[in-house]
């Protein structure tokens, strides 16, 4: 499902040259077989029977992969999601919701 475009997304898409991080994450998104990876991990992923509901598996997997490739800590990936539109798009998080 396509989300409504925000003003920040419109401003960001008007840029002419993509950043190195954006190119890297676009290539990574294209190369990783997401459905197969999710299907492999899903039987072992926390189902949320108690406590807080879990974050979606693909979102969490994208966060971990991005965190590992960019050499970020847990707090670093949280900051990158807030600060970087390229990371936010790769992970699939919309800050408006």
N, C-alpha and C. Protein backbone atom coordinates (compact mmCIF):
# COMPACT_ATOMS: atom_id res chain seq x y z
N UNK A 1 0.84 -1.17 0.00
CA UNK A 1 0.00 0.00 0.00
C UNK A 1 0.89 1.24 0.00
N UNK A 2 0.64 2.18 -0.89
CA UNK A 2 1.42 3.39 -1.01
C UNK A 2 0.95 4.42 0.00
N UNK A 3 1.88 4.93 0.78
CA UNK A 3 1.59 5.96 1.77
C UNK A 3 1.48 7.32 1.09
N UNK A 4 0.77 8.23 1.71
CA UNK A 4 0.67 9.59 1.20
C UNK A 4 2.03 10.25 1.32
N UNK A 5 2.42 10.99 0.32
CA UNK A 5 3.72 11.67 0.31
C UNK A 5 3.68 12.87 1.25
N UNK A 6 4.70 12.98 2.08
CA UNK A 6 4.80 14.11 3.00
C UNK A 6 5.55 15.25 2.33
N UNK A 7 5.51 16.43 2.94
CA UNK A 7 6.24 17.57 2.41
C UNK A 7 7.74 17.31 2.42
N UNK A 8 8.23 16.62 3.46
CA UNK A 8 9.65 16.30 3.53
C UNK A 8 10.05 15.38 2.38
N UNK A 9 9.19 14.40 2.05
CA UNK A 9 9.46 13.51 0.92
C UNK A 9 9.49 14.27 -0.40
N UNK A 10 8.58 15.21 -0.57
CA UNK A 10 8.55 16.01 -1.80
C UNK A 10 9.81 16.85 -1.93
N UNK A 11 10.22 17.47 -0.83
CA UNK A 11 11.43 18.28 -0.84
C UNK A 11 12.65 17.42 -1.13
N UNK A 12 12.70 16.24 -0.51
CA UNK A 12 13.83 15.32 -0.68
C UNK A 12 13.90 14.80 -2.11
N UNK A 13 12.76 14.50 -2.71
CA UNK A 13 12.75 13.95 -4.07
C UNK A 13 13.12 15.01 -5.12
N UNK A 14 13.05 16.29 -4.77
CA UNK A 14 13.39 17.35 -5.71
C UNK A 14 14.91 17.51 -5.86
N UNK A 15 15.68 16.87 -4.98
CA UNK A 15 17.13 16.94 -5.12
C UNK A 15 17.56 16.24 -6.40
N UNK A 16 18.65 16.65 -6.96
CA UNK A 16 19.10 16.07 -8.23
C UNK A 16 20.01 14.87 -8.03
N UNK A 17 20.92 14.93 -7.07
CA UNK A 17 21.93 13.88 -6.92
C UNK A 17 21.67 13.07 -5.64
N UNK A 18 21.52 11.73 -5.77
CA UNK A 18 21.34 10.91 -4.56
C UNK A 18 22.65 10.80 -3.79
N UNK A 19 22.55 10.66 -2.49
CA UNK A 19 23.74 10.52 -1.65
C UNK A 19 24.31 9.11 -1.78
N UNK A 20 25.55 8.92 -1.31
CA UNK A 20 26.16 7.59 -1.34
C UNK A 20 25.38 6.63 -0.46
N UNK A 21 24.90 7.10 0.68
CA UNK A 21 24.10 6.25 1.57
C UNK A 21 22.81 5.83 0.88
N UNK A 22 22.17 6.76 0.20
CA UNK A 22 20.93 6.44 -0.49
C UNK A 22 21.16 5.41 -1.61
N UNK A 23 22.25 5.57 -2.37
CA UNK A 23 22.59 4.60 -3.42
C UNK A 23 22.84 3.22 -2.81
N UNK A 24 23.62 3.19 -1.71
CA UNK A 24 23.93 1.93 -1.06
C UNK A 24 22.67 1.23 -0.58
N UNK A 25 21.79 1.96 0.09
CA UNK A 25 20.58 1.36 0.63
C UNK A 25 19.62 0.94 -0.48
N UNK A 26 19.58 1.66 -1.58
CA UNK A 26 18.74 1.28 -2.72
C UNK A 26 19.26 -0.02 -3.33
N UNK A 27 20.57 -0.13 -3.49
CA UNK A 27 21.15 -1.36 -4.02
C UNK A 27 20.92 -2.53 -3.07
N UNK A 28 21.10 -2.28 -1.78
CA UNK A 28 20.89 -3.33 -0.78
C UNK A 28 19.43 -3.80 -0.80
N UNK A 29 18.51 -2.88 -0.91
CA UNK A 29 17.09 -3.22 -0.95
C UNK A 29 16.77 -4.08 -2.18
N UNK A 30 17.42 -3.75 -3.28
CA UNK A 30 17.19 -4.49 -4.53
C UNK A 30 17.82 -5.88 -4.49
N UNK A 31 18.96 -6.03 -3.81
CA UNK A 31 19.70 -7.29 -3.83
C UNK A 31 19.25 -8.32 -2.80
N UNK A 32 18.73 -7.86 -1.67
CA UNK A 32 18.33 -8.79 -0.61
C UNK A 32 17.00 -9.45 -0.95
N UNK A 33 16.92 -10.77 -0.87
CA UNK A 33 15.65 -11.46 -1.14
C UNK A 33 14.74 -11.41 0.09
N UNK A 34 14.05 -10.30 0.29
CA UNK A 34 13.27 -10.06 1.51
C UNK A 34 12.23 -11.14 1.79
N UNK A 35 11.40 -11.54 0.82
CA UNK A 35 10.38 -12.55 1.15
C UNK A 35 10.97 -13.87 1.64
N UNK A 36 12.07 -14.32 1.03
CA UNK A 36 12.70 -15.56 1.45
C UNK A 36 13.31 -15.43 2.84
N UNK A 37 13.93 -14.30 3.11
CA UNK A 37 14.56 -14.06 4.41
C UNK A 37 13.50 -13.99 5.52
N UNK A 38 12.41 -13.31 5.26
CA UNK A 38 11.32 -13.20 6.23
C UNK A 38 10.71 -14.58 6.49
N UNK A 39 10.51 -15.36 5.43
CA UNK A 39 9.94 -16.69 5.59
C UNK A 39 10.86 -17.61 6.41
N UNK A 40 12.15 -17.43 6.27
CA UNK A 40 13.12 -18.23 7.02
C UNK A 40 13.11 -17.91 8.51
N UNK A 41 12.96 -16.64 8.84
CA UNK A 41 13.04 -16.19 10.24
C UNK A 41 11.69 -16.25 10.95
N UNK A 42 10.61 -16.08 10.22
CA UNK A 42 9.28 -15.95 10.81
C UNK A 42 8.90 -17.03 11.82
N UNK A 43 9.21 -18.30 11.60
CA UNK A 43 8.83 -19.31 12.61
C UNK A 43 9.50 -19.11 13.97
N UNK A 44 10.61 -18.37 14.00
CA UNK A 44 11.36 -18.17 15.23
C UNK A 44 11.17 -16.78 15.82
N UNK A 45 10.41 -15.92 15.15
CA UNK A 45 10.25 -14.53 15.60
C UNK A 45 9.20 -14.44 16.70
N UNK A 46 9.44 -13.55 17.65
CA UNK A 46 8.55 -13.34 18.79
C UNK A 46 7.14 -12.98 18.32
N UNK A 47 6.15 -13.67 18.85
CA UNK A 47 4.77 -13.49 18.40
C UNK A 47 4.00 -12.47 19.24
N UNK A 48 4.50 -12.08 20.38
CA UNK A 48 3.86 -11.06 21.19
C UNK A 48 2.73 -11.56 22.06
N UNK A 49 2.87 -12.78 22.60
CA UNK A 49 1.81 -13.29 23.46
C UNK A 49 1.70 -12.50 24.76
N UNK A 50 2.83 -11.98 25.24
CA UNK A 50 2.83 -11.17 26.46
C UNK A 50 3.60 -9.88 26.21
N UNK A 51 3.29 -8.87 26.98
CA UNK A 51 4.03 -7.61 26.87
C UNK A 51 3.63 -6.80 25.66
N UNK A 52 4.54 -5.93 25.26
CA UNK A 52 4.28 -5.05 24.12
C UNK A 52 4.22 -5.84 22.83
N UNK A 53 3.39 -5.40 21.91
CA UNK A 53 3.36 -6.08 20.60
C UNK A 53 4.70 -5.87 19.89
N UNK A 54 5.18 -6.88 19.18
CA UNK A 54 6.48 -6.75 18.52
C UNK A 54 6.42 -5.85 17.29
N UNK A 55 7.58 -5.33 16.93
CA UNK A 55 7.72 -4.58 15.68
C UNK A 55 7.65 -5.60 14.56
N UNK A 56 7.12 -5.23 13.42
CA UNK A 56 7.01 -6.15 12.29
C UNK A 56 8.36 -6.76 11.93
N UNK A 57 8.35 -8.01 11.53
CA UNK A 57 9.58 -8.75 11.26
C UNK A 57 10.42 -8.09 10.18
N UNK A 58 9.83 -7.74 9.05
CA UNK A 58 10.62 -7.15 7.98
C UNK A 58 11.20 -5.80 8.39
N UNK A 59 10.44 -5.01 9.12
CA UNK A 59 10.95 -3.72 9.60
C UNK A 59 12.14 -3.93 10.51
N UNK A 60 12.02 -4.87 11.44
CA UNK A 60 13.12 -5.13 12.37
C UNK A 60 14.34 -5.69 11.64
N UNK A 61 14.11 -6.56 10.67
CA UNK A 61 15.21 -7.12 9.89
C UNK A 61 15.93 -6.03 9.11
N UNK A 62 15.17 -5.13 8.53
CA UNK A 62 15.78 -4.01 7.79
C UNK A 62 16.58 -3.11 8.73
N UNK A 63 16.06 -2.90 9.94
CA UNK A 63 16.79 -2.08 10.92
C UNK A 63 18.11 -2.74 11.29
N UNK A 64 18.08 -4.04 11.57
CA UNK A 64 19.30 -4.76 11.95
C UNK A 64 20.32 -4.75 10.81
N UNK A 65 19.87 -4.98 9.58
CA UNK A 65 20.78 -4.99 8.45
C UNK A 65 21.39 -3.61 8.22
N UNK A 66 20.57 -2.59 8.29
CA UNK A 66 21.04 -1.22 8.13
C UNK A 66 22.02 -0.86 9.25
N UNK A 67 21.69 -1.24 10.46
CA UNK A 67 22.53 -0.98 11.61
C UNK A 67 23.90 -1.63 11.43
N UNK A 68 23.91 -2.87 10.99
CA UNK A 68 25.15 -3.61 10.80
C UNK A 68 25.99 -3.02 9.67
N UNK A 69 25.36 -2.72 8.54
CA UNK A 69 26.10 -2.20 7.38
C UNK A 69 26.66 -0.80 7.62
N UNK A 70 25.95 0.00 8.37
CA UNK A 70 26.40 1.37 8.62
C UNK A 70 27.22 1.50 9.90
N UNK A 71 27.37 0.40 10.64
CA UNK A 71 28.18 0.42 11.86
C UNK A 71 27.57 1.26 12.97
N UNK A 72 26.26 1.13 13.17
CA UNK A 72 25.56 1.95 14.16
C UNK A 72 25.20 1.13 15.39
N UNK A 73 25.11 1.81 16.52
CA UNK A 73 24.61 1.18 17.75
C UNK A 73 23.09 1.17 17.70
N UNK A 74 22.46 0.61 18.75
CA UNK A 74 21.00 0.63 18.81
C UNK A 74 20.48 2.06 18.81
N UNK A 75 21.11 2.90 19.61
CA UNK A 75 20.70 4.31 19.66
C UNK A 75 21.03 5.00 18.34
N UNK A 76 22.12 4.58 17.71
CA UNK A 76 22.53 5.18 16.44
C UNK A 76 21.53 4.93 15.32
N UNK A 77 20.99 3.72 15.27
CA UNK A 77 19.99 3.44 14.22
C UNK A 77 18.70 4.19 14.49
N UNK A 78 18.34 4.35 15.77
CA UNK A 78 17.16 5.15 16.11
C UNK A 78 17.35 6.59 15.66
N UNK A 79 18.53 7.14 15.92
CA UNK A 79 18.82 8.52 15.50
C UNK A 79 18.84 8.63 13.97
N UNK A 80 19.42 7.62 13.30
CA UNK A 80 19.50 7.66 11.84
C UNK A 80 18.12 7.62 11.21
N UNK A 81 17.20 6.89 11.82
CA UNK A 81 15.83 6.82 11.29
C UNK A 81 15.17 8.19 11.39
N UNK A 82 15.43 8.91 12.46
CA UNK A 82 14.86 10.24 12.63
C UNK A 82 15.56 11.25 11.72
N UNK A 83 16.89 11.15 11.59
CA UNK A 83 17.68 12.15 10.88
C UNK A 83 17.77 11.94 9.37
N UNK A 84 17.74 10.70 8.90
CA UNK A 84 18.02 10.40 7.50
C UNK A 84 16.78 9.86 6.79
N UNK A 85 16.37 10.57 5.76
CA UNK A 85 15.23 10.12 4.98
C UNK A 85 15.58 8.84 4.23
N UNK A 86 16.84 8.70 3.79
CA UNK A 86 17.25 7.49 3.08
C UNK A 86 17.12 6.26 3.98
N UNK A 87 17.55 6.37 5.24
CA UNK A 87 17.44 5.25 6.18
C UNK A 87 15.97 4.98 6.49
N UNK A 88 15.21 6.04 6.69
CA UNK A 88 13.78 5.89 7.00
C UNK A 88 13.04 5.18 5.88
N UNK A 89 13.34 5.53 4.64
CA UNK A 89 12.70 4.86 3.50
C UNK A 89 13.11 3.40 3.42
N UNK A 90 14.40 3.11 3.64
CA UNK A 90 14.88 1.73 3.57
C UNK A 90 14.21 0.87 4.63
N UNK A 91 14.12 1.39 5.85
CA UNK A 91 13.53 0.63 6.94
C UNK A 91 12.01 0.55 6.80
N UNK A 92 11.41 1.56 6.19
CA UNK A 92 9.97 1.55 5.97
C UNK A 92 9.18 2.14 7.12
N UNK A 93 9.77 3.14 7.75
CA UNK A 93 9.09 3.80 8.89
C UNK A 93 8.68 5.19 8.47
N UNK A 94 7.43 5.52 8.79
CA UNK A 94 6.90 6.85 8.50
C UNK A 94 6.73 7.57 9.83
N UNK A 95 7.40 8.69 10.01
CA UNK A 95 7.34 9.41 11.29
C UNK A 95 6.03 10.16 11.48
N UNK A 96 5.23 10.29 10.44
CA UNK A 96 3.98 11.03 10.53
C UNK A 96 2.94 10.23 11.30
N UNK A 97 2.96 8.91 11.16
CA UNK A 97 1.94 8.08 11.81
C UNK A 97 2.13 8.02 13.29
